[in-house]
Amino acid sequence: MQNTKYVFLAVVALTVIVADQVTKFMTLDSLSLAFEGADSKVGVFFGKAPEAGWDSYHFRPKEAVTVSDSFFRFRYAENPGAAFGLFRNLPENLRGPLFHLVSIGAVVLIGYYYSKLTGAKVERWAKWGLPLVLGGAIGNYIDRLARGFVIDFIEAHWFDKAYWPAFNIADSAIVIGVGLLVVDSFVRKETKVVTPAAAA
């Protein structure tokens, strides 16, 4: 039972990581000039990025791909900060260590809480939520280790008047995972309240 639990954790987290990294590779290939003239696309993808130049970007973007004129497009973006650009203006000598600490701490905490799951049906929200957050956290951490910033490419907007900060597959997994954990906290709280009353 314990082995099956950890296999599930690994499979879900790895699926998120692979999907995240593959879509970021495709983003660099299709929405930026990063691979132009490169001997190895993989080397560029996992290698140190050149110094920021064009519009403060390390890799020059290509034209965005519009999915819906009013709501949705794919556009190359770089995020040196946390989710939604938080802390992006911190000096690099502070930002780097902070994200290393936060990322490693998140992995340790997720592993700890996942180890406490017993396999009860009421824990199903946490069973999915924790691996999704883990996969998303590692996916973005790989970016920071490789090049010092996260690649984003999904841009949601409202008729170009209001914008949701650009995001990626890892961000999506984290948001969905956190949402499931919020549901889990309410479901298990309700179960604890109802069970003694029902037993009486």
Protein backbone atom coordinates (compact mmCIF):
# COMPACT_ATOMS: atom_id res chain seq x y z
CA MET A 1 0.00 0.00 0.00
CA GLN A 2 2.80 2.40 0.94
CA ASN A 3 4.72 1.60 -2.26
CA THR A 4 1.61 2.21 -4.36
CA LYS A 5 1.09 5.56 -2.66
CA TYR A 6 4.59 6.76 -3.52
CA VAL A 7 4.40 5.42 -7.06
CA PHE A 8 1.27 7.55 -7.50
CA LEU A 9 3.11 10.60 -6.12
CA ALA A 10 6.02 10.05 -8.49
CA VAL A 11 3.86 9.42 -11.58
CA VAL A 12 1.68 12.50 -11.10
CA ALA A 13 4.60 14.79 -10.23
CA LEU A 14 6.74 13.50 -13.11
CA THR A 15 3.86 13.91 -15.57
CA VAL A 16 3.55 17.55 -14.56
CA ILE A 17 7.33 18.10 -14.77
CA VAL A 18 7.62 16.52 -18.23
CA ALA A 19 4.59 18.37 -19.59
CA ASP A 20 5.93 21.62 -18.14
CA GLN A 21 9.44 21.26 -19.54
CA VAL A 22 8.27 20.06 -22.97
CA THR A 23 5.88 23.00 -23.38
CA LYS A 24 8.60 25.44 -22.27
CA PHE A 25 10.99 23.92 -24.82
CA MET A 26 8.30 24.33 -27.49
CA THR A 27 7.79 27.92 -26.32
CA LEU A 28 11.47 28.77 -26.78
CA ASP A 29 11.41 27.08 -30.18
CA SER A 30 8.18 28.63 -31.50
CA LEU A 31 7.78 31.93 -29.66
CA SER A 32 11.38 33.16 -29.28
CA LEU A 33 14.64 33.39 -31.21
CA ALA A 34 16.53 31.43 -28.53
CA PHE A 35 17.43 28.52 -30.81
CA GLU A 36 18.36 30.62 -33.85
CA GLY A 37 21.78 29.43 -35.02
CA ALA A 38 22.19 27.11 -32.02
CA ASP A 39 24.19 23.88 -32.40
CA SER A 40 22.15 22.23 -29.65
CA LYS A 41 18.61 23.27 -28.74
CA VAL A 42 18.78 21.16 -25.58
CA GLY A 43 22.04 22.87 -24.65
CA VAL A 44 20.41 26.28 -24.99
CA PHE A 45 17.31 25.16 -23.11
CA PHE A 46 19.17 23.86 -20.07
CA GLY A 47 22.17 26.16 -20.35
CA LYS A 48 22.88 29.55 -18.87
CA ALA A 49 20.89 32.26 -20.63
CA PRO A 50 22.68 35.18 -22.31
CA GLU A 51 22.67 38.56 -20.61
CA ALA A 52 19.34 40.38 -20.75
CA GLY A 53 19.19 42.76 -23.68
CA TRP A 54 16.14 43.25 -25.87
CA ASP A 55 13.43 44.84 -23.71
CA SER A 56 15.10 43.27 -20.63
CA TYR A 57 14.57 39.77 -22.06
CA HIS A 58 17.36 37.19 -22.29
CA PHE A 59 15.82 35.68 -25.43
CA ARG A 60 14.10 37.86 -28.01
CA PRO A 61 10.40 37.00 -28.41
CA LYS A 62 8.69 36.29 -31.70
CA GLU A 63 5.18 37.44 -32.47
CA ALA A 64 2.50 36.09 -30.13
CA VAL A 65 0.09 33.39 -31.32
CA THR A 66 -3.52 34.48 -30.84
CA VAL A 67 -6.03 31.82 -29.87
CA SER A 68 -8.86 34.27 -29.14
CA ASP A 69 -8.63 37.98 -29.95
CA SER A 70 -10.68 38.82 -26.90
CA PHE A 71 -9.37 36.40 -24.29
CA PHE A 72 -6.35 34.24 -24.94
CA ARG A 73 -2.92 34.06 -26.62
CA PHE A 74 0.45 32.35 -26.41
CA ARG A 75 3.30 34.80 -25.84
CA TYR A 76 6.89 34.27 -24.74
CA ALA A 77 7.60 35.81 -21.33
CA GLU A 78 10.32 35.59 -18.70
CA ASN A 79 9.63 35.70 -14.97
CA PRO A 80 12.62 36.09 -12.64
CA GLY A 81 10.25 36.27 -9.66
CA ALA A 82 7.82 33.91 -7.98
CA ALA A 83 4.26 33.18 -9.11
CA PHE A 84 2.67 36.17 -10.87
CA GLY A 85 6.00 38.05 -10.77
CA LEU A 86 6.23 38.41 -6.99
CA PHE A 87 9.71 39.43 -5.78
CA ARG A 88 10.98 39.90 -9.34
CA ASN A 89 12.54 43.23 -8.35
CA LEU A 90 14.62 41.77 -5.53
CA PRO A 91 18.40 41.88 -6.15
CA GLU A 92 19.69 38.64 -7.68
CA ASN A 93 21.94 37.92 -4.68
CA LEU A 94 18.78 37.84 -2.49
CA ARG A 95 16.27 36.44 -4.99
CA GLY A 96 18.33 33.37 -5.92
CA PRO A 97 18.92 32.03 -2.38
CA LEU A 98 15.30 32.86 -1.41
CA PHE A 99 13.86 30.76 -4.25
CA HIS A 100 16.29 27.90 -3.58
CA LEU A 101 15.21 27.86 0.07
CA VAL A 102 11.50 28.13 -0.74
CA SER A 103 11.62 25.44 -3.46
CA ILE A 104 13.57 22.93 -1.36
CA GLY A 105 11.38 23.70 1.66
CA ALA A 106 8.23 23.11 -0.42
CA VAL A 107 9.50 19.72 -1.61
CA VAL A 108 10.35 18.66 1.95
CA LEU A 109 6.99 19.80 3.35
CA ILE A 110 5.00 18.16 0.57
CA GLY A 111 6.90 14.91 1.08
CA TYR A 112 6.24 15.07 4.81
CA TYR A 113 2.49 15.71 4.51
CA TYR A 114 2.13 13.09 1.79
CA SER A 115 3.82 10.51 4.02
CA LYS A 116 1.08 11.14 6.61
CA LEU A 117 -1.73 10.14 4.23
CA THR A 118 -3.29 6.82 5.20
CA GLY A 119 -5.10 6.07 1.93
CA ALA A 120 -8.56 6.83 3.30
CA LYS A 121 -11.11 7.89 0.70
CA VAL A 122 -11.61 11.23 2.44
CA GLU A 123 -7.96 12.08 1.64
CA ARG A 124 -8.44 11.84 -2.14
CA TRP A 125 -8.22 15.63 -2.60
CA ALA A 126 -4.85 15.76 -0.84
CA LYS A 127 -3.71 12.62 -2.67
CA TRP A 128 -4.00 14.55 -5.96
CA GLY A 129 -3.27 18.05 -4.68
CA LEU A 130 0.14 17.35 -3.11
CA PRO A 131 1.69 15.67 -6.20
CA LEU A 132 0.39 18.45 -8.47
CA VAL A 133 1.98 21.13 -6.28
CA LEU A 134 5.18 19.07 -6.06
CA GLY A 135 5.43 18.66 -9.83
CA GLY A 136 4.74 22.35 -10.42
CA ALA A 137 7.28 23.45 -7.83
CA ILE A 138 10.00 21.22 -9.30
CA GLY A 139 9.13 22.25 -12.87
CA ASN A 140 9.68 25.94 -12.11
CA TYR A 141 12.71 25.17 -9.93
CA ILE A 142 14.40 23.46 -12.90
CA ASP A 143 14.03 26.73 -14.82
CA ARG A 144 15.60 28.74 -12.02
CA LEU A 145 18.51 26.32 -11.69
CA ALA A 146 19.13 26.27 -15.44
CA ARG A 147 18.78 29.93 -16.38
CA GLY A 148 17.72 32.01 -13.37
CA PHE A 149 14.18 32.77 -14.58
CA VAL A 150 10.97 30.91 -15.39
CA ILE A 151 9.54 30.68 -18.89
CA ASP A 152 5.86 31.66 -19.13
CA PHE A 153 3.75 31.53 -22.26
CA ILE A 154 0.01 31.46 -21.48
CA GLU A 155 -1.60 34.89 -21.48
CA ALA A 156 -5.25 35.36 -20.55
CA HIS A 157 -6.78 38.79 -21.06
CA TRP A 158 -10.09 40.60 -21.31
CA PHE A 159 -10.27 42.41 -24.65
CA ASP A 160 -6.68 43.58 -24.02
CA LYS A 161 -7.93 45.81 -21.19
CA ALA A 162 -7.26 43.52 -18.23
CA TYR A 163 -4.54 40.87 -18.04
CA TRP A 164 -3.94 37.84 -15.89
CA PRO A 165 -0.18 37.49 -15.29
CA ALA A 166 1.46 35.15 -17.81
CA PHE A 167 1.79 31.58 -16.56
CA ASN A 168 2.82 28.06 -17.55
CA ILE A 169 1.92 24.40 -16.96
CA ALA A 170 3.80 24.29 -13.63
CA ASP A 171 1.90 27.35 -12.38
CA SER A 172 -1.39 25.75 -13.46
CA ALA A 173 -0.57 22.53 -11.60
CA ILE A 174 0.31 24.48 -8.46
CA VAL A 175 -2.93 26.49 -8.56
CA ILE A 176 -5.05 23.38 -9.17
CA GLY A 177 -3.15 21.47 -6.47
CA VAL A 178 -3.56 24.24 -3.91
CA GLY A 179 -7.28 24.41 -4.78
CA LEU A 180 -7.60 20.67 -4.11
CA LEU A 181 -5.79 21.06 -0.80
CA VAL A 182 -8.21 23.82 0.20
CA VAL A 183 -11.11 21.48 -0.61
CA ASP A 184 -9.34 18.75 1.38
CA SER A 185 -9.05 20.98 4.44
CA PHE A 186 -12.80 21.63 4.41
CA VAL A 187 -13.80 18.03 3.62
CA ARG A 188 -11.67 16.51 6.36
CA LYS A 189 -12.73 19.19 8.83
CA GLU A 190 -16.39 18.40 8.11
CA THR A 191 -15.70 14.67 8.47
CA LYS A 192 -14.13 15.18 11.89
CA VAL A 193 -17.14 17.18 13.04
CA VAL A 194 -19.79 14.84 11.63
CA THR A 195 -18.26 11.48 12.61
CA PRO A 196 -18.57 11.80 16.43
CA ALA A 197 -22.14 13.08 16.11
CA ALA A 198 -23.08 10.20 13.82
CA ALA A 199 -21.49 7.67 16.17
CA ALA A 200 -23.54 9.02 19.06
